[in-house]
Amino acid sequence: MANKTKHPTATNLQIIVGSTRETRNIDLIVPWVAKRAAQREAFAVEVLDLRDWELPLFAEHMGTLGDINDPTYSAPVVKQWNAKIAAGDAYLFITPEYTHSIPAVLKNAIDSVFASFAFRNKPAAFVGYSVGIAAGTRAVEHLASIAIEAELIPLRNTVLIAKVQQSFAHGEPVDPETEVALDIMLDDLAWWAEVLKQARAGGELPPASVRRRLATAKRTNG
C-alpha cells in the first residue's frame, strides 16, 4: 500500500520494497527507513510494496506496447506501474540477497519500466540485508548494475545490514553505525535528487536507444 507524507516543494521519494515472501524480514527495515526519510523536509515519501503490485512476468514487446508514445502494455497494472514510477523523483530500493542477487519480483518490477524510461536520469539508493553475514552486499552490487541499465543514477553510499533478525530492537537498528550509514545515504540522495531534477527541467537528450535507431535509419536512408 502506498503511504505518502507530503512536505512543500519536496522531492518525491519512492521507497521500493523488494521482497514479497510471506515470512519476509524486510518488514523489520522498511518502517525505520521510511520514518527517517519522512523526517526530512527534502522528501515526500511514498512506500511502494511489491506485494501490492501483482505485475505479470515481463514479456513486453513492440506488439504489446502499442503506441510507443502512450504504451498500452500487456496488462493494465503494467501501465499503472509505469505511471507510478514516472511520478517519482528519486528511489530507495530495499532488497534481501537471494543466491548472490536480488529477488526475481524486484528484477521484474524494474524490467517492466523499460519502455517508458520512467527511471531515467533519477537517483537510486540501496539498502541491502541478509540473515547471514553477507549483509546483502552482492545483491546491492548486482542491483546497482541493473540500475545503470535502467538509466538510473546509482549512489555510491549504501546501507548494508547483516544478520537482520538480530540487528533490530524496538524498530531501530542496534548498531549506531547503521543509522549513520542511512543518514549519509539520505543526505546524498537529497542532493542528487535536487541536482538531477534541475537538470531534467533544463532539457534532456532523448534516450540513447532512440538516438541510435534514428541515427541508424538516417545513415541507411542516406
N, C-alpha and C. Protein backbone atom coordinates (compact mmCIF):
# COMPACT_ATOMS: atom_id res chain seq x y z
N MET A 1 0.85 -1.19 0.00
CA MET A 1 0.00 0.00 0.00
C MET A 1 0.88 1.24 0.00
N ALA A 2 0.56 2.18 -0.88
CA ALA A 2 1.31 3.43 -0.90
C ALA A 2 1.02 4.21 0.36
N ASN A 3 2.04 4.86 0.89
CA ASN A 3 1.91 5.63 2.12
C ASN A 3 2.75 6.87 1.97
N LYS A 4 2.10 8.02 1.74
CA LYS A 4 2.85 9.22 1.36
C LYS A 4 2.72 10.28 2.44
N THR A 5 3.84 10.90 2.76
CA THR A 5 3.87 12.05 3.65
C THR A 5 4.41 13.22 2.84
N LYS A 6 3.62 14.28 2.69
CA LYS A 6 3.98 15.39 1.82
C LYS A 6 4.60 16.54 2.60
N HIS A 7 5.64 17.12 2.04
CA HIS A 7 6.21 18.37 2.51
C HIS A 7 6.20 19.33 1.32
N PRO A 8 6.04 20.63 1.55
CA PRO A 8 6.02 21.59 0.43
C PRO A 8 7.31 21.52 -0.39
N THR A 9 7.14 21.52 -1.69
CA THR A 9 8.25 21.53 -2.67
C THR A 9 9.23 20.38 -2.46
N ALA A 10 8.76 19.30 -1.88
CA ALA A 10 9.65 18.18 -1.57
C ALA A 10 9.88 17.31 -2.80
N THR A 11 10.99 16.59 -2.75
CA THR A 11 11.30 15.57 -3.75
C THR A 11 10.42 14.35 -3.51
N ASN A 12 9.82 13.83 -4.56
CA ASN A 12 9.00 12.62 -4.44
C ASN A 12 9.92 11.41 -4.35
N LEU A 13 10.10 10.90 -3.15
CA LEU A 13 10.96 9.74 -2.90
C LEU A 13 10.10 8.50 -2.81
N GLN A 14 10.36 7.55 -3.69
CA GLN A 14 9.65 6.27 -3.66
C GLN A 14 10.56 5.20 -3.06
N ILE A 15 10.10 4.61 -1.97
CA ILE A 15 10.81 3.51 -1.33
C ILE A 15 10.21 2.21 -1.87
N ILE A 16 11.00 1.44 -2.59
CA ILE A 16 10.51 0.23 -3.25
C ILE A 16 10.89 -0.98 -2.41
N VAL A 17 9.87 -1.69 -1.94
CA VAL A 17 10.03 -2.84 -1.05
C VAL A 17 10.21 -4.08 -1.92
N GLY A 18 11.43 -4.63 -1.92
CA GLY A 18 11.82 -5.62 -2.91
C GLY A 18 11.64 -7.07 -2.54
N SER A 19 10.87 -7.36 -1.50
CA SER A 19 10.60 -8.75 -1.13
C SER A 19 9.10 -8.91 -0.92
N THR A 20 8.57 -10.04 -1.37
CA THR A 20 7.13 -10.30 -1.21
C THR A 20 6.86 -11.60 -0.46
N ARG A 21 7.89 -12.23 0.08
CA ARG A 21 7.69 -13.50 0.77
C ARG A 21 6.77 -13.32 1.98
N GLU A 22 6.02 -14.37 2.30
CA GLU A 22 5.13 -14.31 3.46
C GLU A 22 5.91 -14.11 4.75
N THR A 23 7.07 -14.73 4.86
CA THR A 23 7.88 -14.65 6.09
C THR A 23 9.08 -13.74 5.88
N ARG A 24 8.86 -12.60 5.26
CA ARG A 24 9.96 -11.72 4.89
C ARG A 24 10.49 -10.93 6.10
N ASN A 25 11.80 -10.69 6.07
CA ASN A 25 12.45 -9.90 7.11
C ASN A 25 12.49 -8.41 6.77
N ILE A 26 12.10 -8.08 5.57
CA ILE A 26 12.17 -6.69 5.13
C ILE A 26 11.28 -5.78 5.98
N ASP A 27 10.26 -6.38 6.60
CA ASP A 27 9.36 -5.58 7.43
C ASP A 27 10.03 -5.06 8.70
N LEU A 28 11.19 -5.58 9.03
CA LEU A 28 11.97 -5.02 10.13
C LEU A 28 12.60 -3.69 9.72
N ILE A 29 12.86 -3.53 8.44
CA ILE A 29 13.66 -2.41 7.93
C ILE A 29 12.82 -1.28 7.38
N VAL A 30 11.77 -1.61 6.64
CA VAL A 30 11.01 -0.60 5.90
C VAL A 30 10.46 0.51 6.81
N PRO A 31 9.81 0.19 7.93
CA PRO A 31 9.26 1.28 8.76
C PRO A 31 10.34 2.24 9.26
N TRP A 32 11.50 1.70 9.61
CA TRP A 32 12.60 2.53 10.08
C TRP A 32 13.11 3.46 8.98
N VAL A 33 13.34 2.91 7.80
CA VAL A 33 13.84 3.72 6.69
C VAL A 33 12.81 4.79 6.31
N ALA A 34 11.55 4.39 6.20
CA ALA A 34 10.50 5.33 5.80
C ALA A 34 10.35 6.46 6.82
N LYS A 35 10.42 6.11 8.10
CA LYS A 35 10.29 7.13 9.15
C LYS A 35 11.44 8.12 9.09
N ARG A 36 12.66 7.62 8.94
CA ARG A 36 13.82 8.52 8.90
C ARG A 36 13.78 9.42 7.67
N ALA A 37 13.36 8.86 6.55
CA ALA A 37 13.28 9.67 5.33
C ALA A 37 12.19 10.73 5.45
N ALA A 38 11.04 10.35 6.02
CA ALA A 38 9.92 11.28 6.12
C ALA A 38 10.18 12.42 7.09
N GLN A 39 11.16 12.24 7.98
CA GLN A 39 11.51 13.31 8.92
C GLN A 39 12.23 14.47 8.23
N ARG A 40 12.64 14.25 7.00
CA ARG A 40 13.38 15.27 6.26
C ARG A 40 12.43 16.10 5.40
N GLU A 41 12.57 17.41 5.49
CA GLU A 41 11.74 18.29 4.68
C GLU A 41 12.00 18.11 3.19
N ALA A 42 13.16 17.54 2.85
CA ALA A 42 13.52 17.38 1.44
C ALA A 42 12.66 16.35 0.73
N PHE A 43 12.03 15.44 1.48
CA PHE A 43 11.37 14.30 0.85
C PHE A 43 9.87 14.26 1.14
N ALA A 44 9.10 13.92 0.11
CA ALA A 44 7.74 13.41 0.26
C ALA A 44 7.83 11.92 0.01
N VAL A 45 7.58 11.13 1.02
CA VAL A 45 7.90 9.70 0.99
C VAL A 45 6.68 8.88 0.61
N GLU A 46 6.88 7.96 -0.32
CA GLU A 46 5.85 7.01 -0.71
C GLU A 46 6.47 5.61 -0.70
N VAL A 47 5.84 4.70 0.02
CA VAL A 47 6.31 3.32 0.09
C VAL A 47 5.56 2.50 -0.95
N LEU A 48 6.30 1.89 -1.87
CA LEU A 48 5.73 1.02 -2.89
C LEU A 48 6.09 -0.42 -2.57
N ASP A 49 5.14 -1.13 -2.00
CA ASP A 49 5.35 -2.53 -1.62
C ASP A 49 4.97 -3.40 -2.80
N LEU A 50 5.91 -4.18 -3.30
CA LEU A 50 5.62 -5.00 -4.48
C LEU A 50 4.57 -6.06 -4.21
N ARG A 51 4.25 -6.32 -2.95
CA ARG A 51 3.10 -7.18 -2.65
C ARG A 51 1.80 -6.59 -3.21
N ASP A 52 1.75 -5.29 -3.29
CA ASP A 52 0.54 -4.61 -3.75
C ASP A 52 0.50 -4.43 -5.26
N TRP A 53 1.56 -4.86 -5.94
CA TRP A 53 1.64 -4.71 -7.39
C TRP A 53 1.84 -6.09 -8.01
N GLU A 54 0.75 -6.71 -8.42
CA GLU A 54 0.83 -8.06 -8.99
C GLU A 54 1.17 -7.97 -10.48
N LEU A 55 2.41 -7.61 -10.73
CA LEU A 55 2.87 -7.45 -12.10
C LEU A 55 3.06 -8.82 -12.76
N PRO A 56 2.62 -8.99 -13.99
CA PRO A 56 2.90 -10.25 -14.69
C PRO A 56 4.39 -10.36 -14.99
N LEU A 57 4.84 -11.59 -15.23
CA LEU A 57 6.23 -11.78 -15.62
C LEU A 57 6.50 -10.99 -16.90
N PHE A 58 7.62 -10.33 -16.91
CA PHE A 58 7.96 -9.44 -18.01
C PHE A 58 7.97 -10.19 -19.34
N ALA A 59 7.14 -9.73 -20.27
CA ALA A 59 7.10 -10.33 -21.61
C ALA A 59 6.73 -9.29 -22.65
N GLU A 60 7.03 -8.02 -22.35
CA GLU A 60 6.63 -6.96 -23.27
C GLU A 60 7.45 -7.01 -24.56
N HIS A 61 6.81 -6.61 -25.65
CA HIS A 61 7.49 -6.44 -26.93
C HIS A 61 6.73 -5.36 -27.69
N MET A 62 7.19 -5.00 -28.85
CA MET A 62 6.57 -3.89 -29.57
C MET A 62 5.09 -4.14 -29.84
N GLY A 63 4.71 -5.40 -29.98
CA GLY A 63 3.31 -5.72 -30.23
C GLY A 63 2.42 -5.47 -29.04
N THR A 64 2.94 -5.64 -27.83
CA THR A 64 2.13 -5.40 -26.63
C THR A 64 2.12 -3.94 -26.22
N LEU A 65 3.11 -3.18 -26.67
CA LEU A 65 3.22 -1.79 -26.24
C LEU A 65 2.23 -0.88 -26.96
N GLY A 66 1.93 -1.18 -28.21
CA GLY A 66 1.09 -0.28 -28.97
C GLY A 66 1.85 0.97 -29.35
N ASP A 67 1.24 2.12 -29.14
CA ASP A 67 1.86 3.41 -29.44
C ASP A 67 3.01 3.64 -28.46
N ILE A 68 4.23 3.75 -28.94
CA ILE A 68 5.39 3.90 -28.07
C ILE A 68 5.31 5.18 -27.25
N ASN A 69 4.57 6.19 -27.76
CA ASN A 69 4.42 7.46 -27.03
C ASN A 69 3.35 7.39 -25.95
N ASP A 70 2.50 6.37 -26.01
CA ASP A 70 1.48 6.14 -24.98
C ASP A 70 1.22 4.64 -24.90
N PRO A 71 2.18 3.89 -24.37
CA PRO A 71 2.10 2.43 -24.43
C PRO A 71 0.86 1.88 -23.70
N THR A 72 0.31 0.81 -24.26
CA THR A 72 -0.81 0.13 -23.61
C THR A 72 -0.32 -1.00 -22.71
N TYR A 73 0.80 -1.62 -23.06
CA TYR A 73 1.37 -2.75 -22.32
C TYR A 73 0.45 -3.97 -22.39
N SER A 74 0.93 -5.07 -21.80
CA SER A 74 0.20 -6.33 -21.88
C SER A 74 -0.89 -6.45 -20.82
N ALA A 75 -0.85 -5.58 -19.81
CA ALA A 75 -1.85 -5.62 -18.74
C ALA A 75 -2.00 -4.21 -18.16
N PRO A 76 -3.20 -3.84 -17.73
CA PRO A 76 -3.40 -2.50 -17.16
C PRO A 76 -2.48 -2.20 -15.99
N VAL A 77 -2.19 -3.20 -15.16
CA VAL A 77 -1.35 -2.96 -13.99
C VAL A 77 0.07 -2.54 -14.39
N VAL A 78 0.54 -3.01 -15.54
CA VAL A 78 1.88 -2.61 -16.00
C VAL A 78 1.87 -1.13 -16.38
N LYS A 79 0.82 -0.69 -17.03
CA LYS A 79 0.71 0.74 -17.37
C LYS A 79 0.62 1.58 -16.10
N GLN A 80 -0.15 1.10 -15.11
CA GLN A 80 -0.27 1.81 -13.84
C GLN A 80 1.07 1.89 -13.12
N TRP A 81 1.81 0.80 -13.17
CA TRP A 81 3.13 0.78 -12.52
C TRP A 81 4.08 1.78 -13.18
N ASN A 82 4.07 1.84 -14.48
CA ASN A 82 4.91 2.80 -15.19
C ASN A 82 4.54 4.24 -14.83
N ALA A 83 3.25 4.51 -14.74
CA ALA A 83 2.80 5.86 -14.36
C ALA A 83 3.22 6.19 -12.94
N LYS A 84 3.13 5.22 -12.06
CA LYS A 84 3.53 5.44 -10.67
C LYS A 84 5.02 5.75 -10.58
N ILE A 85 5.85 4.97 -11.26
CA ILE A 85 7.30 5.19 -11.22
C ILE A 85 7.65 6.54 -11.84
N ALA A 86 6.95 6.92 -12.89
CA ALA A 86 7.22 8.20 -13.54
C ALA A 86 6.99 9.38 -12.61
N ALA A 87 6.14 9.21 -11.61
CA ALA A 87 5.86 10.29 -10.66
C ALA A 87 6.96 10.47 -9.63
N GLY A 88 7.90 9.54 -9.56
CA GLY A 88 8.99 9.65 -8.60
C GLY A 88 10.12 10.53 -9.09
N ASP A 89 10.79 11.18 -8.14
CA ASP A 89 12.00 11.96 -8.44
C ASP A 89 13.26 11.24 -7.99
N ALA A 90 13.11 10.31 -7.05
CA ALA A 90 14.24 9.57 -6.50
C ALA A 90 13.70 8.26 -5.95
N TYR A 91 14.61 7.26 -5.87
CA TYR A 91 14.18 5.92 -5.48
C TYR A 91 15.13 5.34 -4.45
N LEU A 92 14.54 4.64 -3.48
CA LEU A 92 15.33 3.93 -2.48
C LEU A 92 14.86 2.48 -2.50
N PHE A 93 15.72 1.61 -2.98
CA PHE A 93 15.39 0.19 -3.09
C PHE A 93 15.86 -0.54 -1.84
N ILE A 94 14.98 -1.34 -1.25
CA ILE A 94 15.35 -2.19 -0.12
C ILE A 94 15.25 -3.63 -0.59
N THR A 95 16.35 -4.37 -0.47
CA THR A 95 16.37 -5.72 -1.04
C THR A 95 17.10 -6.71 -0.16
N PRO A 96 16.58 -7.93 -0.07
CA PRO A 96 17.37 -9.02 0.51
C PRO A 96 18.32 -9.57 -0.54
N GLU A 97 19.17 -10.48 -0.12
CA GLU A 97 20.06 -11.17 -1.06
C GLU A 97 19.58 -12.60 -1.24
N TYR A 98 19.25 -12.94 -2.48
CA TYR A 98 18.87 -14.31 -2.84
C TYR A 98 19.91 -14.83 -3.83
N THR A 99 20.61 -15.88 -3.47
CA THR A 99 21.62 -16.51 -4.34
C THR A 99 22.49 -15.47 -5.06
N HIS A 100 23.12 -14.62 -4.28
CA HIS A 100 24.06 -13.60 -4.78
C HIS A 100 23.39 -12.52 -5.61
N SER A 101 22.07 -12.36 -5.51
CA SER A 101 21.39 -11.37 -6.34
C SER A 101 20.15 -10.86 -5.62
N ILE A 102 19.28 -10.22 -6.39
CA ILE A 102 18.04 -9.66 -5.86
C ILE A 102 16.88 -10.60 -6.14
N PRO A 103 15.76 -10.44 -5.45
CA PRO A 103 14.59 -11.27 -5.74
C PRO A 103 14.08 -11.07 -7.17
N ALA A 104 13.55 -12.13 -7.74
CA ALA A 104 13.02 -12.06 -9.11
C ALA A 104 11.91 -11.02 -9.22
N VAL A 105 11.11 -10.88 -8.17
CA VAL A 105 9.99 -9.93 -8.22
C VAL A 105 10.49 -8.50 -8.36
N LEU A 106 11.64 -8.19 -7.77
CA LEU A 106 12.20 -6.85 -7.90
C LEU A 106 12.79 -6.63 -9.29
N LYS A 107 13.49 -7.61 -9.81
CA LYS A 107 14.02 -7.51 -11.17
C LYS A 107 12.88 -7.34 -12.17
N ASN A 108 11.81 -8.08 -11.97
CA ASN A 108 10.66 -8.00 -12.85
C ASN A 108 10.02 -6.60 -12.82
N ALA A 109 9.96 -6.02 -11.62
CA ALA A 109 9.38 -4.68 -11.49
C ALA A 109 10.21 -3.64 -12.22
N ILE A 110 11.53 -3.78 -12.16
CA ILE A 110 12.41 -2.85 -12.87
C ILE A 110 12.31 -3.06 -14.38
N ASP A 111 12.35 -4.32 -14.81
CA ASP A 111 12.24 -4.62 -16.24
C ASP A 111 10.94 -4.06 -16.83
N SER A 112 9.88 -4.06 -16.04
CA SER A 112 8.57 -3.64 -16.54
C SER A 112 8.49 -2.16 -16.88
N VAL A 113 9.53 -1.41 -16.55
CA VAL A 113 9.55 0.04 -16.79
C VAL A 113 10.37 0.38 -18.03
N PHE A 114 10.87 -0.63 -18.75
CA PHE A 114 11.88 -0.36 -19.78
C PHE A 114 11.38 0.57 -20.87
N ALA A 115 10.13 0.46 -21.29
CA ALA A 115 9.67 1.20 -22.48
C ALA A 115 9.34 2.65 -22.19
N SER A 116 9.05 2.98 -20.94
CA SER A 116 8.65 4.35 -20.61
C SER A 116 9.84 5.21 -20.19
N PHE A 117 10.98 4.58 -19.93
CA PHE A 117 12.17 5.30 -19.45
C PHE A 117 11.87 6.12 -18.19
N ALA A 118 10.95 5.62 -17.36
CA ALA A 118 10.49 6.40 -16.21
C ALA A 118 11.56 6.58 -15.14
N PHE A 119 12.54 5.67 -15.10
CA PHE A 119 13.63 5.79 -14.13
C PHE A 119 14.73 6.74 -14.60
N ARG A 120 14.68 7.15 -15.84
CA ARG A 120 15.83 7.77 -16.49
C ARG A 120 16.26 9.08 -15.83
N ASN A 121 17.57 9.18 -15.59
CA ASN A 121 18.20 10.39 -15.05
C ASN A 121 17.67 10.78 -13.67
N LYS A 122 17.37 9.76 -12.87
CA LYS A 122 16.94 9.97 -11.49
C LYS A 122 17.83 9.13 -10.56
N PRO A 123 18.05 9.58 -9.32
CA PRO A 123 18.99 8.88 -8.44
C PRO A 123 18.35 7.67 -7.75
N ALA A 124 19.19 6.69 -7.47
CA ALA A 124 18.75 5.48 -6.78
C ALA A 124 19.70 5.17 -5.63
N ALA A 125 19.14 4.89 -4.47
CA ALA A 125 19.90 4.47 -3.30
C ALA A 125 19.46 3.07 -2.90
N PHE A 126 20.32 2.39 -2.13
CA PHE A 126 20.07 0.98 -1.86
C PHE A 126 20.30 0.62 -0.40
N VAL A 127 19.38 -0.18 0.13
CA VAL A 127 19.55 -0.83 1.43
C VAL A 127 19.51 -2.33 1.17
N GLY A 128 20.58 -3.02 1.55
CA GLY A 128 20.64 -4.47 1.39
C GLY A 128 20.72 -5.15 2.74
N TYR A 129 20.21 -6.37 2.79
CA TYR A 129 20.27 -7.10 4.06
C TYR A 129 20.29 -8.60 3.80
N SER A 130 20.68 -9.33 4.83
CA SER A 130 20.66 -10.78 4.76
C SER A 130 20.51 -11.34 6.17
N VAL A 131 20.12 -12.61 6.25
CA VAL A 131 20.02 -13.26 7.56
C VAL A 131 21.38 -13.73 8.04
N GLY A 132 22.35 -13.81 7.12
CA GLY A 132 23.71 -14.20 7.46
C GLY A 132 24.64 -13.01 7.47
N ILE A 133 25.92 -13.28 7.23
CA ILE A 133 26.93 -12.23 7.36
C ILE A 133 27.16 -11.45 6.06
N ALA A 134 26.56 -11.87 4.95
CA ALA A 134 26.82 -11.21 3.67
C ALA A 134 26.26 -9.80 3.61
N ALA A 135 25.23 -9.51 4.39
CA ALA A 135 24.66 -8.16 4.52
C ALA A 135 24.04 -7.63 3.22
N GLY A 136 23.75 -8.52 2.28
CA GLY A 136 23.16 -8.06 1.03
C GLY A 136 24.13 -7.40 0.09
N THR A 137 25.43 -7.53 0.36
CA THR A 137 26.44 -6.83 -0.44
C THR A 137 26.35 -7.21 -1.92
N ARG A 138 26.27 -8.49 -2.21
CA ARG A 138 26.26 -8.93 -3.61
C ARG A 138 24.95 -8.55 -4.30
N ALA A 139 23.85 -8.57 -3.55
CA ALA A 139 22.58 -8.14 -4.12
C ALA A 139 22.63 -6.67 -4.51
N VAL A 140 23.19 -5.84 -3.64
CA VAL A 140 23.27 -4.41 -3.93
C VAL A 140 24.21 -4.14 -5.10
N GLU A 141 25.33 -4.85 -5.16
CA GLU A 141 26.24 -4.67 -6.30
C GLU A 141 25.54 -5.02 -7.61
N HIS A 142 24.79 -6.12 -7.60
CA HIS A 142 24.06 -6.50 -8.81
C HIS A 142 22.97 -5.48 -9.13
N LEU A 143 22.26 -5.03 -8.10
CA LEU A 143 21.19 -4.07 -8.31
C LEU A 143 21.72 -2.76 -8.87
N ALA A 144 22.89 -2.35 -8.43
CA ALA A 144 23.48 -1.11 -8.96
C ALA A 144 23.75 -1.22 -10.46
N SER A 145 24.22 -2.38 -10.90
CA SER A 145 24.47 -2.55 -12.33
C SER A 145 23.17 -2.60 -13.12
N ILE A 146 22.13 -3.19 -12.55
CA ILE A 146 20.81 -3.19 -13.19
C ILE A 146 20.28 -1.76 -13.28
N ALA A 147 20.50 -0.99 -12.22
CA ALA A 147 20.04 0.40 -12.19
C ALA A 147 20.67 1.22 -13.31
N ILE A 148 21.94 0.99 -13.56
CA ILE A 148 22.61 1.72 -14.64
C ILE A 148 21.94 1.43 -15.98
N GLU A 149 21.63 0.18 -16.24
CA GLU A 149 20.99 -0.17 -17.50
C GLU A 149 19.58 0.42 -17.59
N ALA A 150 18.92 0.60 -16.43
CA ALA A 150 17.61 1.25 -16.41
C ALA A 150 17.72 2.77 -16.52
N GLU A 151 18.95 3.26 -16.65
CA GLU A 151 19.28 4.68 -16.78
C GLU A 151 19.02 5.47 -15.51
N LEU A 152 19.03 4.77 -14.37
CA LEU A 152 19.08 5.42 -13.07
C LEU A 152 20.50 5.88 -12.80
N ILE A 153 20.66 6.74 -11.80
CA ILE A 153 21.97 7.19 -11.34
C ILE A 153 22.19 6.58 -9.96
N PRO A 154 22.90 5.45 -9.86
CA PRO A 154 23.07 4.79 -8.56
C PRO A 154 24.07 5.52 -7.68
N LEU A 155 23.77 5.62 -6.40
CA LEU A 155 24.65 6.28 -5.45
C LEU A 155 25.70 5.31 -4.92
N ARG A 156 26.84 5.86 -4.55
CA ARG A 156 27.92 5.04 -4.01
C ARG A 156 27.59 4.53 -2.61
N ASN A 157 27.15 5.42 -1.73
CA ASN A 157 26.96 5.06 -0.33
C ASN A 157 25.67 4.29 -0.14
N THR A 158 25.76 3.16 0.55
CA THR A 158 24.64 2.26 0.74
C THR A 158 24.49 1.94 2.23
N VAL A 159 23.42 1.22 2.55
CA VAL A 159 23.22 0.67 3.89
C VAL A 159 23.19 -0.85 3.75
N LEU A 160 24.06 -1.53 4.47
CA LEU A 160 24.17 -2.98 4.41
C LEU A 160 23.97 -3.55 5.81
N ILE A 161 23.02 -4.48 5.94
CA ILE A 161 22.64 -4.99 7.25
C ILE A 161 22.82 -6.51 7.28
N ALA A 162 23.76 -6.97 8.07
CA ALA A 162 23.98 -8.41 8.26
C ALA A 162 23.14 -8.92 9.43
N LYS A 163 22.85 -10.23 9.40
CA LYS A 163 22.11 -10.87 10.50
C LYS A 163 20.90 -10.02 10.90
N VAL A 164 20.05 -9.76 9.92
CA VAL A 164 18.98 -8.79 10.09
C VAL A 164 18.06 -9.11 11.26
N GLN A 165 17.84 -10.39 11.53
CA GLN A 165 16.92 -10.75 12.61
C GLN A 165 17.45 -10.38 13.99
N GLN A 166 18.76 -10.22 14.09
CA GLN A 166 19.36 -9.80 15.36
C GLN A 166 19.76 -8.32 15.36
N SER A 167 19.49 -7.63 14.27
CA SER A 167 20.02 -6.27 14.09
C SER A 167 19.05 -5.16 14.44
N PHE A 168 17.81 -5.52 14.81
CA PHE A 168 16.81 -4.51 15.16
C PHE A 168 16.18 -4.82 16.51
N ALA A 169 15.91 -3.77 17.26
CA ALA A 169 15.20 -3.88 18.54
C ALA A 169 14.28 -2.68 18.67
N HIS A 170 13.01 -2.95 18.92
CA HIS A 170 12.02 -1.89 19.08
C HIS A 170 11.97 -0.96 17.86
N GLY A 171 12.13 -1.56 16.68
CA GLY A 171 12.01 -0.81 15.44
C GLY A 171 13.21 0.00 15.04
N GLU A 172 14.32 -0.13 15.77
CA GLU A 172 15.53 0.63 15.48
C GLU A 172 16.72 -0.32 15.38
N PRO A 173 17.73 0.03 14.57
CA PRO A 173 18.93 -0.81 14.50
C PRO A 173 19.70 -0.75 15.80
N VAL A 174 20.28 -1.88 16.18
CA VAL A 174 21.05 -1.92 17.43
C VAL A 174 22.44 -1.33 17.24
N ASP A 175 22.94 -1.31 16.03
CA ASP A 175 24.27 -0.76 15.74
C ASP A 175 24.12 0.69 15.30
N PRO A 176 24.67 1.65 16.06
CA PRO A 176 24.53 3.06 15.67
C PRO A 176 25.15 3.38 14.31
N GLU A 177 26.12 2.58 13.88
CA GLU A 177 26.73 2.84 12.57
C GLU A 177 25.73 2.64 11.44
N THR A 178 24.73 1.78 11.67
CA THR A 178 23.70 1.59 10.65
C THR A 178 22.89 2.86 10.48
N GLU A 179 22.57 3.54 11.57
CA GLU A 179 21.85 4.81 11.48
C GLU A 179 22.69 5.87 10.78
N VAL A 180 23.97 5.90 11.09
CA VAL A 180 24.87 6.86 10.44
C VAL A 180 24.90 6.60 8.93
N ALA A 181 24.99 5.33 8.56
CA ALA A 181 25.03 4.98 7.13
C ALA A 181 23.76 5.45 6.42
N LEU A 182 22.61 5.27 7.07
CA LEU A 182 21.36 5.72 6.45
C LEU A 182 21.33 7.24 6.31
N ASP A 183 21.76 7.94 7.34
CA ASP A 183 21.76 9.40 7.29
C ASP A 183 22.65 9.92 6.15
N ILE A 184 23.83 9.32 6.01
CA ILE A 184 24.74 9.74 4.94
C ILE A 184 24.10 9.47 3.57
N MET A 185 23.50 8.30 3.43
CA MET A 185 22.89 7.95 2.15
C MET A 185 21.72 8.88 1.83
N LEU A 186 20.90 9.22 2.82
CA LEU A 186 19.79 10.13 2.59
C LEU A 186 20.27 11.54 2.26
N ASP A 187 21.37 11.96 2.89
CA ASP A 187 21.98 13.25 2.52
C ASP A 187 22.33 13.26 1.03
N ASP A 188 23.02 12.22 0.61
CA ASP A 188 23.43 12.12 -0.80
C ASP A 188 22.23 12.06 -1.73
N LEU A 189 21.23 11.29 -1.33
CA LEU A 189 20.05 11.12 -2.18
C LEU A 189 19.31 12.45 -2.35
N ALA A 190 19.18 13.21 -1.27
CA ALA A 190 18.50 14.51 -1.36
C ALA A 190 19.27 15.45 -2.29
N TRP A 191 20.60 15.45 -2.17
CA TRP A 191 21.42 16.34 -3.01
C TRP A 191 21.29 15.97 -4.48
N TRP A 192 21.46 14.70 -4.77
CA TRP A 192 21.40 14.26 -6.16
C TRP A 192 19.99 14.43 -6.74
N ALA A 193 18.97 14.20 -5.92
CA ALA A 193 17.60 14.36 -6.42
C ALA A 193 17.35 15.79 -6.86
N GLU A 194 17.82 16.75 -6.08
CA GLU A 194 17.61 18.16 -6.43
C GLU A 194 18.43 18.54 -7.66
N VAL A 195 19.68 18.12 -7.70
CA VAL A 195 20.54 18.43 -8.85
C VAL A 195 19.97 17.86 -10.14
N LEU A 196 19.55 16.61 -10.09
CA LEU A 196 19.04 15.96 -11.30
C LEU A 196 17.66 16.49 -11.68
N LYS A 197 16.86 16.87 -10.70
CA LYS A 197 15.57 17.48 -11.02
C LYS A 197 15.77 18.77 -11.80
N GLN A 198 16.71 19.58 -11.36
CA GLN A 198 17.00 20.82 -12.07
C GLN A 198 17.56 20.54 -13.47
N ALA A 199 18.41 19.53 -13.57
CA ALA A 199 18.97 19.19 -14.88
C ALA A 199 17.89 18.71 -15.84
N ARG A 200 16.97 17.88 -15.35
CA ARG A 200 15.89 17.40 -16.22
C ARG A 200 15.00 18.56 -16.66
N ALA A 201 14.77 19.50 -15.76
CA ALA A 201 13.93 20.65 -16.10
C ALA A 201 14.56 21.50 -17.19
N GLY A 202 15.89 21.46 -17.27
CA GLY A 202 16.59 22.23 -18.29
C GLY A 202 16.61 21.56 -19.65
N GLY A 203 16.08 20.35 -19.74
CA GLY A 203 16.03 19.64 -21.01
C GLY A 203 16.90 18.40 -20.99
N GLU A 204 16.40 17.31 -21.55
CA GLU A 204 17.12 16.04 -21.58
C GLU A 204 17.36 15.60 -23.02
N LEU A 205 18.46 14.94 -23.23
CA LEU A 205 18.67 14.26 -24.51
C LEU A 205 17.68 13.10 -24.62
N PRO A 206 17.26 12.73 -25.82
CA PRO A 206 16.46 11.52 -25.97
C PRO A 206 17.26 10.31 -25.50
N PRO A 207 16.59 9.24 -25.08
CA PRO A 207 17.31 8.03 -24.68
C PRO A 207 18.26 7.55 -25.78
N ALA A 208 19.36 6.95 -25.37
CA ALA A 208 20.37 6.51 -26.33
C ALA A 208 19.79 5.53 -27.34
N SER A 209 18.89 4.64 -26.88
CA SER A 209 18.32 3.66 -27.81
C SER A 209 17.51 4.35 -28.91
N VAL A 210 16.84 5.43 -28.57
CA VAL A 210 16.07 6.19 -29.57
C VAL A 210 17.03 6.89 -30.52
N ARG A 211 18.05 7.53 -29.97
CA ARG A 211 19.02 8.23 -30.82
C ARG A 211 19.74 7.26 -31.75
N ARG A 212 20.02 6.06 -31.24
CA ARG A 212 20.72 5.07 -32.05
C ARG A 212 19.86 4.65 -33.24
N ARG A 213 18.56 4.40 -32.97
CA ARG A 213 17.67 4.00 -34.07
C ARG A 213 17.55 5.10 -35.11
N LEU A 214 17.42 6.34 -34.64
CA LEU A 214 17.28 7.46 -35.58
C LEU A 214 18.55 7.65 -36.41
N ALA A 215 19.70 7.54 -35.74
CA ALA A 215 20.97 7.72 -36.46
C ALA A 215 21.19 6.60 -37.47
N THR A 216 20.84 5.38 -37.09
CA THR A 216 20.99 4.24 -38.00
C THR A 216 20.08 4.39 -39.20
N ALA A 217 18.83 4.79 -38.95
CA ALA A 217 17.89 4.98 -40.05
C ALA A 217 18.35 6.08 -40.99
N LYS A 218 18.89 7.14 -40.43
CA LYS A 218 19.38 8.26 -41.26
C LYS A 218 20.52 7.82 -42.15
N ARG A 219 21.44 7.04 -41.60
CA ARG A 219 22.58 6.57 -42.40
C ARG A 219 22.12 5.57 -43.45
N THR A 220 21.17 4.71 -43.06
CA THR A 220 20.69 3.71 -44.01
C THR A 220 19.96 4.35 -45.18
N ASN A 221 19.20 5.40 -44.87
CA ASN A 221 18.41 6.06 -45.91
C ASN A 221 19.19 7.14 -46.64
N GLY A 222 20.41 7.33 -46.15
CA GLY A 222 21.32 8.13 -46.81
C GLY A 222 21.49 9.45 -47.08
